[in-house]
Amino acid sequence: MTTQIELSTTNEIPNRKIASHNGIVVGVGTEAFGPVTSTKAKIAYGKAIAELKSSAQGLGSNAVIGISVTSNGSGFPFFRAQTVIISGTAVKVI
């Protein structure tokens, strides 16, 4: 059974108390080959979120706060990669 990881761009989870700060977590998602599209960005975002949540869970956390998202495309036209980087602080909330 997978623990649900709550996510917030602010430094709190509404109506929850932070019991411990467990460390910084990062998720990186890349979708390559072909032109940069919104679909490619969504796939890269999904991969980054999954990695972020997995890293938080590995630290014994059930939430990530202070999330920031960075996105960029790289390469040549019609042969580009879309990368999304998401970082935040893994916490245990009660």
Protein backbone atom coordinates (compact mmCIF):
# COMPACT_ATOMS: atom_id res chain seq x y z
CA MET A 1 0.00 0.00 0.00
CA THR A 2 1.39 3.38 -1.03
CA THR A 3 1.24 6.30 1.37
CA GLN A 4 -0.37 9.38 -0.14
CA ILE A 5 2.06 12.27 -0.26
CA GLU A 6 0.48 15.70 0.18
CA LEU A 7 2.01 18.51 -1.87
CA SER A 8 2.09 22.26 -1.27
CA THR A 9 3.83 25.23 -2.83
CA THR A 10 3.54 27.04 0.52
CA ASN A 11 5.48 26.19 3.68
CA GLU A 12 2.56 24.39 5.30
CA ILE A 13 -0.17 21.87 4.71
CA PRO A 14 -3.51 23.47 5.64
CA ASN A 15 -5.02 22.12 8.87
CA ARG A 16 -1.96 19.92 9.54
CA LYS A 17 0.96 20.31 11.96
CA ILE A 18 4.53 19.68 10.80
CA ALA A 19 6.03 17.06 13.12
CA SER A 20 9.45 16.83 11.42
CA HIS A 21 11.47 18.22 8.52
CA ASN A 22 13.14 15.26 6.81
CA GLY A 23 15.18 16.82 4.02
CA ILE A 24 15.18 18.30 0.55
CA VAL A 25 13.72 16.17 -2.23
CA VAL A 26 14.00 16.56 -5.99
CA GLY A 27 12.15 14.97 -8.86
CA VAL A 28 13.38 15.17 -12.45
CA GLY A 29 11.31 14.15 -15.45
CA THR A 30 12.46 14.23 -19.06
CA GLU A 31 10.53 13.41 -22.19
CA ALA A 32 12.74 13.34 -25.28
CA PHE A 33 12.51 13.13 -29.05
CA GLY A 34 10.37 15.33 -31.20
CA PRO A 35 9.13 18.90 -30.86
CA VAL A 36 8.32 20.33 -27.43
CA THR A 37 4.56 20.09 -26.88
CA SER A 38 2.20 20.52 -23.95
CA THR A 39 1.70 16.74 -23.93
CA LYS A 40 5.45 16.20 -23.63
CA ALA A 41 5.61 18.73 -20.78
CA LYS A 42 2.75 16.96 -18.95
CA ILE A 43 4.52 13.60 -19.28
CA ALA A 44 7.78 15.09 -17.97
CA TYR A 45 5.87 16.73 -15.09
CA GLY A 46 4.22 13.42 -14.19
CA LYS A 47 7.60 11.68 -14.08
CA ALA A 48 9.07 14.44 -11.90
CA ILE A 49 6.14 14.36 -9.44
CA ALA A 50 6.37 10.57 -9.16
CA GLU A 51 10.10 10.77 -8.38
CA LEU A 52 9.56 13.60 -5.86
CA LYS A 53 6.88 11.59 -4.02
CA SER A 54 9.01 8.45 -4.03
CA SER A 55 11.97 10.35 -2.58
CA ALA A 56 9.78 11.88 0.14
CA GLN A 57 8.32 8.51 1.03
CA GLY A 58 11.85 7.08 1.23
CA LEU A 59 12.60 9.66 3.93
CA GLY A 60 9.54 8.63 5.93
CA SER A 61 7.60 11.74 4.93
CA ASN A 62 3.95 12.09 4.06
CA ALA A 63 4.11 15.59 2.57
CA VAL A 64 6.33 17.94 0.58
CA ILE A 65 6.16 21.69 1.19
CA GLY A 66 7.74 24.73 -0.46
CA ILE A 67 7.57 23.12 -3.88
CA SER A 68 9.10 24.92 -6.85
CA VAL A 69 8.95 23.83 -10.48
CA THR A 70 11.41 24.55 -13.27
CA SER A 71 10.92 23.53 -16.88
CA ASN A 72 13.02 23.81 -20.01
CA GLY A 73 13.40 22.46 -23.49
CA SER A 74 16.76 21.66 -25.01
CA GLY A 75 18.17 20.38 -28.25
CA PHE A 76 17.51 21.22 -31.87
CA PRO A 77 14.15 22.06 -33.46
CA PHE A 78 12.08 18.92 -34.09
CA PHE A 79 14.44 16.91 -31.90
CA ARG A 80 14.07 18.37 -28.44
CA ALA A 81 13.78 17.16 -24.88
CA GLN A 82 11.44 18.64 -22.28
CA THR A 83 12.74 18.52 -18.71
CA VAL A 84 10.83 19.36 -15.54
CA ILE A 85 12.59 19.70 -12.17
CA ILE A 86 10.52 19.85 -8.98
CA SER A 87 12.04 20.41 -5.54
CA GLY A 88 10.74 20.90 -2.04
CA THR A 89 11.13 19.98 1.62
CA ALA A 90 9.96 16.55 2.72
CA VAL A 91 8.06 16.69 6.02
CA LYS A 92 6.00 14.49 8.29
CA VAL A 93 2.63 16.06 9.07
CA ILE A 94 0.07 15.02 11.65
